[in-house]
Amino acid sequence: MPEMRFHIRWPDGSRDACYSPTLVIKEHLAVGQDYALDEFLVLVRLALGSASARVQERYGFPCGRAESQLARIEEIARRQEPGTVYVEAFEE
């Protein structure tokens, strides 16, 4: 299964490289797009949940790294002021 990273810029200007176990993130986010923080969280939950489900279908267990990545994103998001998350790049 091809894994990838998606690079984002948080509302506070900090940057992050996030992990996805599949390319499904491309179905939910677009490079060069700004997303309101709440919208970004909804889309990332859908994407990483779907990616983890694909891993489970193939290997019989969900992807722990996707679940950990989602937890990290949600933790960072709680510390952010309202604003937008910018998707800078996809890296396969």
N, C-alpha and C. Protein backbone atom coordinates (compact mmCIF):
# COMPACT_ATOMS: atom_id res chain seq x y z
N MET A 1 0.84 -1.17 0.00
CA MET A 1 0.00 0.00 0.00
C MET A 1 0.90 1.24 0.00
N PRO A 2 0.71 2.15 -0.94
CA PRO A 2 1.59 3.33 -0.96
C PRO A 2 1.23 4.32 0.14
N GLU A 3 2.22 4.64 0.95
CA GLU A 3 2.00 5.63 2.00
C GLU A 3 2.47 6.99 1.50
N MET A 4 2.08 8.02 2.21
CA MET A 4 2.48 9.37 1.80
C MET A 4 2.50 10.31 2.99
N ARG A 5 3.05 11.47 2.76
CA ARG A 5 3.01 12.58 3.72
C ARG A 5 2.28 13.73 3.07
N PHE A 6 1.57 14.48 3.89
CA PHE A 6 0.96 15.71 3.41
C PHE A 6 1.45 16.83 4.31
N HIS A 7 1.96 17.88 3.68
CA HIS A 7 2.59 18.99 4.39
C HIS A 7 1.57 20.12 4.52
N ILE A 8 1.45 20.61 5.76
CA ILE A 8 0.45 21.64 6.04
C ILE A 8 1.09 22.81 6.80
N ARG A 9 0.40 23.94 6.74
CA ARG A 9 0.75 25.11 7.55
C ARG A 9 -0.45 25.44 8.42
N TRP A 10 -0.24 25.44 9.73
CA TRP A 10 -1.29 25.71 10.70
C TRP A 10 -1.63 27.20 10.75
N PRO A 11 -2.77 27.56 11.37
CA PRO A 11 -3.13 28.98 11.48
C PRO A 11 -2.06 29.84 12.16
N ASP A 12 -1.27 29.26 13.07
CA ASP A 12 -0.23 30.05 13.76
C ASP A 12 1.05 30.18 12.93
N GLY A 13 1.05 29.60 11.72
CA GLY A 13 2.21 29.69 10.83
C GLY A 13 3.18 28.53 10.93
N SER A 14 3.02 27.68 11.92
CA SER A 14 3.91 26.52 12.04
C SER A 14 3.57 25.51 10.94
N ARG A 15 4.58 24.73 10.58
CA ARG A 15 4.41 23.74 9.51
C ARG A 15 4.51 22.34 10.10
N ASP A 16 3.88 21.39 9.40
CA ASP A 16 3.85 20.01 9.86
C ASP A 16 3.84 19.08 8.66
N ALA A 17 4.52 17.95 8.80
CA ALA A 17 4.46 16.88 7.80
C ALA A 17 3.67 15.75 8.44
N CYS A 18 2.54 15.41 7.84
CA CYS A 18 1.62 14.42 8.41
C CYS A 18 1.63 13.14 7.58
N TYR A 19 1.38 12.03 8.24
CA TYR A 19 1.45 10.71 7.62
C TYR A 19 0.07 10.19 7.24
N SER A 20 0.01 9.53 6.09
CA SER A 20 -1.18 8.77 5.69
C SER A 20 -0.70 7.43 5.14
N PRO A 21 -1.32 6.32 5.56
CA PRO A 21 -0.88 5.01 5.08
C PRO A 21 -1.30 4.71 3.65
N THR A 22 -2.16 5.53 3.07
CA THR A 22 -2.58 5.36 1.68
C THR A 22 -2.65 6.73 1.02
N LEU A 23 -2.93 6.74 -0.27
CA LEU A 23 -3.05 7.98 -1.03
C LEU A 23 -4.43 8.61 -0.90
N VAL A 24 -5.31 8.04 -0.08
CA VAL A 24 -6.69 8.51 0.04
C VAL A 24 -6.78 9.98 0.47
N ILE A 25 -5.76 10.49 1.10
CA ILE A 25 -5.79 11.90 1.53
C ILE A 25 -6.01 12.82 0.34
N LYS A 26 -5.53 12.40 -0.84
CA LYS A 26 -5.70 13.20 -2.05
C LYS A 26 -7.16 13.33 -2.47
N GLU A 27 -8.01 12.43 -1.98
CA GLU A 27 -9.43 12.50 -2.29
C GLU A 27 -10.16 13.50 -1.40
N HIS A 28 -9.50 13.97 -0.35
CA HIS A 28 -10.14 14.84 0.63
C HIS A 28 -9.52 16.23 0.73
N LEU A 29 -8.23 16.35 0.41
CA LEU A 29 -7.52 17.62 0.49
C LEU A 29 -6.86 17.93 -0.85
N ALA A 30 -6.63 19.20 -1.11
CA ALA A 30 -5.96 19.61 -2.35
C ALA A 30 -4.77 20.51 -2.03
N VAL A 31 -3.67 20.29 -2.69
CA VAL A 31 -2.49 21.13 -2.54
C VAL A 31 -2.84 22.55 -2.98
N GLY A 32 -2.36 23.52 -2.21
CA GLY A 32 -2.60 24.92 -2.53
C GLY A 32 -3.92 25.46 -2.02
N GLN A 33 -4.63 24.64 -1.26
CA GLN A 33 -5.96 25.02 -0.76
C GLN A 33 -5.89 25.38 0.72
N ASP A 34 -6.63 26.42 1.09
CA ASP A 34 -6.84 26.78 2.50
C ASP A 34 -8.13 26.14 2.97
N TYR A 35 -8.12 25.62 4.20
CA TYR A 35 -9.32 25.04 4.81
C TYR A 35 -9.52 25.67 6.18
N ALA A 36 -10.74 26.08 6.46
CA ALA A 36 -11.04 26.50 7.83
C ALA A 36 -10.65 25.36 8.76
N LEU A 37 -10.14 25.69 9.93
CA LEU A 37 -9.63 24.67 10.85
C LEU A 37 -10.65 23.57 11.10
N ASP A 38 -11.91 23.93 11.37
CA ASP A 38 -12.94 22.91 11.63
C ASP A 38 -13.17 22.02 10.41
N GLU A 39 -13.19 22.63 9.22
CA GLU A 39 -13.38 21.85 7.99
C GLU A 39 -12.19 20.91 7.76
N PHE A 40 -10.99 21.42 8.00
CA PHE A 40 -9.79 20.59 7.85
C PHE A 40 -9.87 19.36 8.74
N LEU A 41 -10.29 19.56 9.99
CA LEU A 41 -10.39 18.42 10.92
C LEU A 41 -11.40 17.40 10.44
N VAL A 42 -12.54 17.85 9.94
CA VAL A 42 -13.55 16.91 9.42
C VAL A 42 -12.96 16.10 8.26
N LEU A 43 -12.30 16.78 7.34
CA LEU A 43 -11.74 16.10 6.17
C LEU A 43 -10.63 15.13 6.54
N VAL A 44 -9.77 15.53 7.47
CA VAL A 44 -8.67 14.65 7.88
C VAL A 44 -9.20 13.44 8.63
N ARG A 45 -10.23 13.64 9.45
CA ARG A 45 -10.83 12.49 10.14
C ARG A 45 -11.38 11.48 9.13
N LEU A 46 -12.08 12.00 8.11
CA LEU A 46 -12.61 11.12 7.07
C LEU A 46 -11.49 10.40 6.32
N ALA A 47 -10.48 11.16 5.92
CA ALA A 47 -9.40 10.58 5.13
C ALA A 47 -8.60 9.54 5.91
N LEU A 48 -8.17 9.89 7.11
CA LEU A 48 -7.35 8.94 7.88
C LEU A 48 -8.18 7.76 8.37
N GLY A 49 -9.48 7.98 8.64
CA GLY A 49 -10.36 6.87 8.99
C GLY A 49 -10.50 5.91 7.82
N SER A 50 -10.67 6.45 6.63
CA SER A 50 -10.77 5.63 5.43
C SER A 50 -9.46 4.89 5.16
N ALA A 51 -8.35 5.57 5.33
CA ALA A 51 -7.04 4.95 5.13
C ALA A 51 -6.84 3.79 6.10
N SER A 52 -7.19 4.01 7.35
CA SER A 52 -7.05 2.95 8.36
C SER A 52 -7.96 1.76 8.03
N ALA A 53 -9.15 2.05 7.53
CA ALA A 53 -10.08 0.97 7.14
C ALA A 53 -9.52 0.17 5.97
N ARG A 54 -8.87 0.85 5.04
CA ARG A 54 -8.25 0.14 3.90
C ARG A 54 -7.15 -0.79 4.38
N VAL A 55 -6.37 -0.33 5.34
CA VAL A 55 -5.32 -1.17 5.92
C VAL A 55 -5.96 -2.38 6.59
N GLN A 56 -7.05 -2.16 7.33
CA GLN A 56 -7.72 -3.26 8.00
C GLN A 56 -8.25 -4.29 7.00
N GLU A 57 -8.83 -3.81 5.91
CA GLU A 57 -9.33 -4.73 4.88
C GLU A 57 -8.21 -5.60 4.33
N ARG A 58 -7.06 -5.00 4.16
CA ARG A 58 -5.94 -5.73 3.53
C ARG A 58 -5.18 -6.61 4.51
N TYR A 59 -4.95 -6.10 5.74
CA TYR A 59 -4.08 -6.80 6.68
C TYR A 59 -4.79 -7.36 7.91
N GLY A 60 -6.06 -7.00 8.09
CA GLY A 60 -6.82 -7.55 9.20
C GLY A 60 -6.76 -6.74 10.48
N PHE A 61 -6.12 -5.59 10.46
CA PHE A 61 -6.06 -4.72 11.63
C PHE A 61 -5.97 -3.27 11.16
N PRO A 62 -6.51 -2.32 11.94
CA PRO A 62 -6.46 -0.91 11.54
C PRO A 62 -5.03 -0.37 11.63
N CYS A 63 -4.80 0.75 11.00
CA CYS A 63 -3.46 1.36 10.98
C CYS A 63 -3.25 2.22 12.23
N GLY A 64 -2.41 1.75 13.10
CA GLY A 64 -2.10 2.49 14.32
C GLY A 64 -1.41 3.82 14.05
N ARG A 65 -0.58 3.87 13.00
CA ARG A 65 0.10 5.13 12.68
C ARG A 65 -0.90 6.19 12.22
N ALA A 66 -1.92 5.78 11.46
CA ALA A 66 -2.95 6.74 11.03
C ALA A 66 -3.72 7.25 12.24
N GLU A 67 -4.05 6.35 13.16
CA GLU A 67 -4.77 6.75 14.37
C GLU A 67 -3.92 7.68 15.22
N SER A 68 -2.63 7.40 15.33
CA SER A 68 -1.72 8.27 16.09
C SER A 68 -1.58 9.63 15.43
N GLN A 69 -1.51 9.63 14.10
CA GLN A 69 -1.39 10.89 13.37
C GLN A 69 -2.63 11.74 13.59
N LEU A 70 -3.80 11.12 13.52
CA LEU A 70 -5.04 11.87 13.74
C LEU A 70 -5.07 12.44 15.15
N ALA A 71 -4.68 11.67 16.13
CA ALA A 71 -4.65 12.16 17.52
C ALA A 71 -3.70 13.36 17.65
N ARG A 72 -2.56 13.30 16.97
CA ARG A 72 -1.60 14.41 17.02
C ARG A 72 -2.17 15.64 16.35
N ILE A 73 -2.81 15.47 15.19
CA ILE A 73 -3.43 16.60 14.50
C ILE A 73 -4.49 17.24 15.39
N GLU A 74 -5.33 16.43 16.02
CA GLU A 74 -6.38 16.97 16.87
C GLU A 74 -5.80 17.70 18.08
N GLU A 75 -4.71 17.18 18.63
CA GLU A 75 -4.06 17.84 19.77
C GLU A 75 -3.51 19.21 19.37
N ILE A 76 -2.83 19.28 18.24
CA ILE A 76 -2.29 20.56 17.77
C ILE A 76 -3.43 21.52 17.44
N ALA A 77 -4.49 21.02 16.83
CA ALA A 77 -5.63 21.87 16.46
C ALA A 77 -6.26 22.52 17.68
N ARG A 78 -6.30 21.82 18.81
CA ARG A 78 -6.88 22.37 20.03
C ARG A 78 -6.12 23.60 20.52
N ARG A 79 -4.85 23.69 20.19
CA ARG A 79 -4.02 24.81 20.63
C ARG A 79 -4.03 25.98 19.64
N GLN A 80 -4.68 25.81 18.51
CA GLN A 80 -4.69 26.83 17.47
C GLN A 80 -5.81 27.84 17.69
N GLU A 81 -5.56 29.06 17.30
CA GLU A 81 -6.62 30.06 17.21
C GLU A 81 -7.43 29.75 15.96
N PRO A 82 -8.68 30.21 15.89
CA PRO A 82 -9.43 30.01 14.65
C PRO A 82 -8.66 30.59 13.46
N GLY A 83 -8.74 29.91 12.35
CA GLY A 83 -8.03 30.34 11.15
C GLY A 83 -8.08 29.25 10.11
N THR A 84 -7.14 29.30 9.19
CA THR A 84 -7.13 28.31 8.12
C THR A 84 -5.87 27.46 8.17
N VAL A 85 -6.02 26.24 7.67
CA VAL A 85 -4.90 25.32 7.48
C VAL A 85 -4.63 25.28 5.98
N TYR A 86 -3.40 25.49 5.61
CA TYR A 86 -3.01 25.51 4.21
C TYR A 86 -2.28 24.20 3.86
N VAL A 87 -2.71 23.53 2.80
CA VAL A 87 -2.06 22.31 2.36
C VAL A 87 -0.95 22.70 1.39
N GLU A 88 0.29 22.48 1.80
CA GLU A 88 1.45 22.91 1.01
C GLU A 88 1.86 21.90 -0.05
N ALA A 89 1.84 20.61 0.28
CA ALA A 89 2.36 19.62 -0.66
C ALA A 89 1.95 18.22 -0.26
N PHE A 90 1.97 17.34 -1.24
CA PHE A 90 1.86 15.90 -1.03
C PHE A 90 3.22 15.30 -1.38
N GLU A 91 3.63 14.31 -0.62
CA GLU A 91 4.91 13.64 -0.85
C GLU A 91 4.69 12.14 -0.80
N GLU A 92 4.86 11.50 -1.93
CA GLU A 92 4.68 10.04 -1.98
C GLU A 92 5.99 9.33 -1.80
